[in-house]
Amino acid sequence: MRIFMPFVFALLFLGWLVYRLIIQKDLKANRNDLYTGLFFIVVWVVLYSWLWAS
């Protein structure tokens, strides 16, 4: 079950991104949150690829 948590969080982040882009239209005001979320997604991808390769 824990293996799916990053995917769930990535889907939640994408939902937030779509909400900010289409409904609120204030993504530029939330640029810090966007960069923080993308950073954590990249870190998760690197960790998963490193752990699954070994």
PDB file of N, CA and C in Angstrom:
ATOM      1  N   MET A   1       0.813  -1.197   0.000  1.00  0.00           N
ATOM      2  CA  MET A   1       0.000   0.000   0.000  1.00  0.00           C
ATOM      3  C   MET A   1       0.858   1.263   0.000  1.00  0.00           C
ATOM      4  N   ARG A   2       1.973   1.230   0.695  1.00  0.00           N
ATOM      5  CA  ARG A   2       2.836   2.409   0.759  1.00  0.00           C
ATOM      6  C   ARG A   2       3.446   2.759  -0.593  1.00  0.00           C
ATOM      7  N   ILE A   3       3.578   1.766  -1.445  1.00  0.00           N
ATOM      8  CA  ILE A   3       4.216   2.006  -2.727  1.00  0.00           C
ATOM      9  C   ILE A   3       3.359   2.916  -3.609  1.00  0.00           C
ATOM     10  N   PHE A   4       2.056   2.960  -3.358  1.00  0.00           N
ATOM     11  CA  PHE A   4       1.162   3.781  -4.172  1.00  0.00           C
ATOM     12  C   PHE A   4       1.004   5.206  -3.662  1.00  0.00           C
ATOM     13  N   MET A   5       1.460   5.494  -2.471  1.00  0.00           N
ATOM     14  CA  MET A   5       1.278   6.822  -1.893  1.00  0.00           C
ATOM     15  C   MET A   5       1.890   7.943  -2.730  1.00  0.00           C
ATOM     16  N   PRO A   6       3.108   7.814  -3.258  1.00  0.00           N
ATOM     17  CA  PRO A   6       3.635   8.897  -4.089  1.00  0.00           C
ATOM     18  C   PRO A   6       2.785   9.140  -5.337  1.00  0.00           C
ATOM     19  N   PHE A   7       2.216   8.072  -5.887  1.00  0.00           N
ATOM     20  CA  PHE A   7       1.366   8.242  -7.061  1.00  0.00           C
ATOM     21  C   PHE A   7       0.087   8.991  -6.693  1.00  0.00           C
ATOM     22  N   VAL A   8      -0.454   8.687  -5.522  1.00  0.00           N
ATOM     23  CA  VAL A   8      -1.652   9.383  -5.051  1.00  0.00           C
ATOM     24  C   VAL A   8      -1.342  10.856  -4.827  1.00  0.00           C
ATOM     25  N   PHE A   9      -0.199  11.134  -4.196  1.00  0.00           N
ATOM     26  CA  PHE A   9       0.180  12.526  -3.967  1.00  0.00           C
ATOM     27  C   PHE A   9       0.447  13.261  -5.281  1.00  0.00           C
ATOM     28  N   ALA A  10       1.027  12.582  -6.249  1.00  0.00           N
ATOM     29  CA  ALA A  10       1.247  13.201  -7.558  1.00  0.00           C
ATOM     30  C   ALA A  10      -0.083  13.518  -8.231  1.00  0.00           C
ATOM     31  N   LEU A  11      -1.057  12.622  -8.116  1.00  0.00           N
ATOM     32  CA  LEU A  11      -2.387  12.892  -8.675  1.00  0.00           C
ATOM     33  C   LEU A  11      -3.061  14.056  -7.959  1.00  0.00           C
ATOM     34  N   LEU A  12      -2.922  14.127  -6.653  1.00  0.00           N
ATOM     35  CA  LEU A  12      -3.466  15.262  -5.911  1.00  0.00           C
ATOM     36  C   LEU A  12      -2.814  16.569  -6.338  1.00  0.00           C
ATOM     37  N   PHE A  13      -1.503  16.546  -6.542  1.00  0.00           N
ATOM     38  CA  PHE A  13      -0.797  17.740  -6.996  1.00  0.00           C
ATOM     39  C   PHE A  13      -1.266  18.147  -8.389  1.00  0.00           C
ATOM     40  N   LEU A  14      -1.452  17.174  -9.274  1.00  0.00           N
ATOM     41  CA  LEU A  14      -1.959  17.494 -10.609  1.00  0.00           C
ATOM     42  C   LEU A  14      -3.374  18.060 -10.540  1.00  0.00           C
ATOM     43  N   GLY A  15      -4.182  17.543  -9.625  1.00  0.00           N
ATOM     44  CA  GLY A  15      -5.521  18.099  -9.424  1.00  0.00           C
ATOM     45  C   GLY A  15      -5.459  19.542  -8.956  1.00  0.00           C
ATOM     46  N   TRP A  16      -4.550  19.821  -8.027  1.00  0.00           N
ATOM     47  CA  TRP A  16      -4.359  21.200  -7.561  1.00  0.00           C
ATOM     48  C   TRP A  16      -3.891  22.089  -8.707  1.00  0.00           C
ATOM     49  N   LEU A  17      -2.989  21.566  -9.521  1.00  0.00           N
ATOM     50  CA  LEU A  17      -2.469  22.336 -10.650  1.00  0.00           C
ATOM     51  C   LEU A  17      -3.566  22.668 -11.650  1.00  0.00           C
ATOM     52  N   VAL A  18      -4.393  21.692 -11.983  1.00  0.00           N
ATOM     53  CA  VAL A  18      -5.501  21.927 -12.918  1.00  0.00           C
ATOM     54  C   VAL A  18      -6.494  22.916 -12.319  1.00  0.00           C
ATOM     55  N   TYR A  19      -6.769  22.784 -11.029  1.00  0.00           N
ATOM     56  CA  TYR A  19      -7.675  23.710 -10.352  1.00  0.00           C
ATOM     57  C   TYR A  19      -7.154  25.133 -10.435  1.00  0.00           C
ATOM     58  N   ARG A  20      -5.864  25.316 -10.170  1.00  0.00           N
ATOM     59  CA  ARG A  20      -5.281  26.659 -10.214  1.00  0.00           C
ATOM     60  C   ARG A  20      -5.214  27.207 -11.636  1.00  0.00           C
ATOM     61  N   LEU A  21      -4.989  26.344 -12.615  1.00  0.00           N
ATOM     62  CA  LEU A  21      -4.898  26.800 -14.006  1.00  0.00           C
ATOM     63  C   LEU A  21      -6.255  27.153 -14.593  1.00  0.00           C
ATOM     64  N   ILE A  22      -7.250  26.305 -14.374  1.00  0.00           N
ATOM     65  CA  ILE A  22      -8.521  26.460 -15.075  1.00  0.00           C
ATOM     66  C   ILE A  22      -9.545  27.246 -14.262  1.00  0.00           C
ATOM     67  N   ILE A  23      -9.706  26.928 -12.986  1.00  0.00           N
ATOM     68  CA  ILE A  23     -10.779  27.530 -12.200  1.00  0.00           C
ATOM     69  C   ILE A  23     -10.345  28.853 -11.568  1.00  0.00           C
ATOM     70  N   GLN A  24      -9.263  28.837 -10.817  1.00  0.00           N
ATOM     71  CA  GLN A  24      -8.831  30.043 -10.125  1.00  0.00           C
ATOM     72  C   GLN A  24      -8.065  31.019 -11.029  1.00  0.00           C
ATOM     73  N   LYS A  25      -7.322  30.481 -11.970  1.00  0.00           N
ATOM     74  CA  LYS A  25      -6.489  31.274 -12.892  1.00  0.00           C
ATOM     75  C   LYS A  25      -5.507  32.202 -12.156  1.00  0.00           C
ATOM     76  N   ASP A  26      -4.901  31.651 -11.105  1.00  0.00           N
ATOM     77  CA  ASP A  26      -3.920  32.427 -10.339  1.00  0.00           C
ATOM     78  C   ASP A  26      -2.653  31.613 -10.076  1.00  0.00           C
ATOM     79  N   LEU A  27      -2.250  30.829 -11.054  1.00  0.00           N
ATOM     80  CA  LEU A  27      -1.074  29.983 -10.861  1.00  0.00           C
ATOM     81  C   LEU A  27       0.196  30.815 -10.685  1.00  0.00           C
ATOM     82  N   LYS A  28       0.257  31.968 -11.349  1.00  0.00           N
ATOM     83  CA  LYS A  28       1.453  32.815 -11.195  1.00  0.00           C
ATOM     84  C   LYS A  28       1.607  33.310  -9.765  1.00  0.00           C
ATOM     85  N   ALA A  29       0.504  33.514  -9.072  1.00  0.00           N
ATOM     86  CA  ALA A  29       0.575  33.951  -7.677  1.00  0.00           C
ATOM     87  C   ALA A  29       1.019  32.815  -6.766  1.00  0.00           C
ATOM     88  N   ASN A  30       0.862  31.579  -7.210  1.00  0.00           N
ATOM     89  CA  ASN A  30       1.231  30.409  -6.411  1.00  0.00           C
ATOM     90  C   ASN A  30       2.445  29.690  -7.006  1.00  0.00           C
ATOM     91  N   ARG A  31       3.317  30.429  -7.595  1.00  0.00           N
ATOM     92  CA  ARG A  31       4.490  29.844  -8.237  1.00  0.00           C
ATOM     93  C   ARG A  31       5.400  29.123  -7.246  1.00  0.00           C
ATOM     94  N   ASN A  32       5.508  29.650  -6.028  1.00  0.00           N
ATOM     95  CA  ASN A  32       6.336  28.993  -5.008  1.00  0.00           C
ATOM     96  C   ASN A  32       5.826  27.595  -4.701  1.00  0.00           C
ATOM     97  N   ASP A  33       4.517  27.453  -4.554  1.00  0.00           N
ATOM     98  CA  ASP A  33       3.931  26.143  -4.287  1.00  0.00           C
ATOM     99  C   ASP A  33       4.143  25.202  -5.465  1.00  0.00           C
ATOM    100  N   LEU A  34       4.052  25.732  -6.661  1.00  0.00           N
ATOM    101  CA  LEU A  34       4.268  24.917  -7.862  1.00  0.00           C
ATOM    102  C   LEU A  34       5.691  24.377  -7.894  1.00  0.00           C
ATOM    103  N   TYR A  35       6.664  25.220  -7.651  1.00  0.00           N
ATOM    104  CA  TYR A  35       8.059  24.776  -7.678  1.00  0.00           C
ATOM    105  C   TYR A  35       8.349  23.784  -6.562  1.00  0.00           C
ATOM    106  N   THR A  36       7.777  24.005  -5.380  1.00  0.00           N
ATOM    107  CA  THR A  36       7.983  23.077  -4.266  1.00  0.00           C
ATOM    108  C   THR A  36       7.393  21.708  -4.593  1.00  0.00           C
ATOM    109  N   GLY A  37       6.198  21.684  -5.138  1.00  0.00           N
ATOM    110  CA  GLY A  37       5.569  20.416  -5.506  1.00  0.00           C
ATOM    111  C   GLY A  37       6.336  19.681  -6.575  1.00  0.00           C
ATOM    112  N   LEU A  38       6.784  20.399  -7.585  1.00  0.00           N
ATOM    113  CA  LEU A  38       7.571  19.767  -8.650  1.00  0.00           C
ATOM    114  C   LEU A  38       8.890  19.220  -8.123  1.00  0.00           C
ATOM    115  N   PHE A  39       9.503  19.946  -7.191  1.00  0.00           N
ATOM    116  CA  PHE A  39      10.751  19.490  -6.592  1.00  0.00           C
ATOM    117  C   PHE A  39      10.552  18.157  -5.864  1.00  0.00           C
ATOM    118  N   PHE A  40       9.506  18.054  -5.071  1.00  0.00           N
ATOM    119  CA  PHE A  40       9.260  16.817  -4.335  1.00  0.00           C
ATOM    120  C   PHE A  40       8.899  15.665  -5.268  1.00  0.00           C
ATOM    121  N   ILE A  41       8.177  15.946  -6.343  1.00  0.00           N
ATOM    122  CA  ILE A  41       7.870  14.888  -7.304  1.00  0.00           C
ATOM    123  C   ILE A  41       9.147  14.389  -7.971  1.00  0.00           C
ATOM    124  N   VAL A  42      10.034  15.287  -8.317  1.00  0.00           N
ATOM    125  CA  VAL A  42      11.305  14.882  -8.936  1.00  0.00           C
ATOM    126  C   VAL A  42      12.134  14.055  -7.957  1.00  0.00           C
ATOM    127  N   VAL A  43      12.150  14.455  -6.690  1.00  0.00           N
ATOM    128  CA  VAL A  43      12.894  13.692  -5.680  1.00  0.00           C
ATOM    129  C   VAL A  43      12.317  12.288  -5.544  1.00  0.00           C
ATOM    130  N   TRP A  44      10.981  12.169  -5.524  1.00  0.00           N
ATOM    131  CA  TRP A  44      10.358  10.851  -5.433  1.00  0.00           C
ATOM    132  C   TRP A  44      10.703   9.999  -6.647  1.00  0.00           C
ATOM    133  N   VAL A  45      10.692  10.582  -7.828  1.00  0.00           N
ATOM    134  CA  VAL A  45      11.011   9.815  -9.039  1.00  0.00           C
ATOM    135  C   VAL A  45      12.453   9.317  -8.983  1.00  0.00           C
ATOM    136  N   VAL A  46      13.353  10.159  -8.544  1.00  0.00           N
ATOM    137  CA  VAL A  46      14.758   9.755  -8.450  1.00  0.00           C
ATOM    138  C   VAL A  46      14.921   8.641  -7.413  1.00  0.00           C
ATOM    139  N   LEU A  47      14.277   8.785  -6.262  1.00  0.00           N
ATOM    140  CA  LEU A  47      14.395   7.752  -5.229  1.00  0.00           C
ATOM    141  C   LEU A  47      13.788   6.430  -5.683  1.00  0.00           C
ATOM    142  N   TYR A  48      12.632   6.482  -6.300  1.00  0.00           N
ATOM    143  CA  TYR A  48      12.009   5.246  -6.758  1.00  0.00           C
ATOM    144  C   TYR A  48      12.832   4.574  -7.849  1.00  0.00           C
ATOM    145  N   SER A  49      13.341   5.363  -8.772  1.00  0.00           N
ATOM    146  CA  SER A  49      14.143   4.743  -9.846  1.00  0.00           C
ATOM    147  C   SER A  49      15.437   4.155  -9.275  1.00  0.00           C
ATOM    148  N   TRP A  50      16.014   4.811  -8.277  1.00  0.00           N
ATOM    149  CA  TRP A  50      17.226   4.304  -7.658  1.00  0.00           C
ATOM    150  C   TRP A  50      16.937   3.033  -6.859  1.00  0.00           C
ATOM    151  N   LEU A  51      15.830   3.011  -6.119  1.00  0.00           N
ATOM    152  CA  LEU A  51      15.505   1.836  -5.318  1.00  0.00           C
ATOM    153  C   LEU A  51      15.068   0.657  -6.172  1.00  0.00           C
ATOM    154  N   TRP A  52      14.353   0.907  -7.256  1.00  0.00           N
ATOM    155  CA  TRP A  52      13.884  -0.180  -8.094  1.00  0.00           C
ATOM    156  C   TRP A  52      15.000  -0.739  -8.980  1.00  0.00           C
ATOM    157  N   ALA A  53      16.035   0.046  -9.222  1.00  0.00           N
ATOM    158  CA  ALA A  53      17.148  -0.420 -10.057  1.00  0.00           C
ATOM    159  C   ALA A  53      18.027  -1.402  -9.283  1.00  0.00           C
ATOM    160  N   SER A  54      18.046  -1.279  -7.971  1.00  0.00           N
ATOM    161  CA  SER A  54      18.923  -2.175  -7.199  1.00  0.00           C
ATOM    162  C   SER A  54      18.244  -3.447  -6.774  1.00  0.00           C
TER     163      SER A  54
END
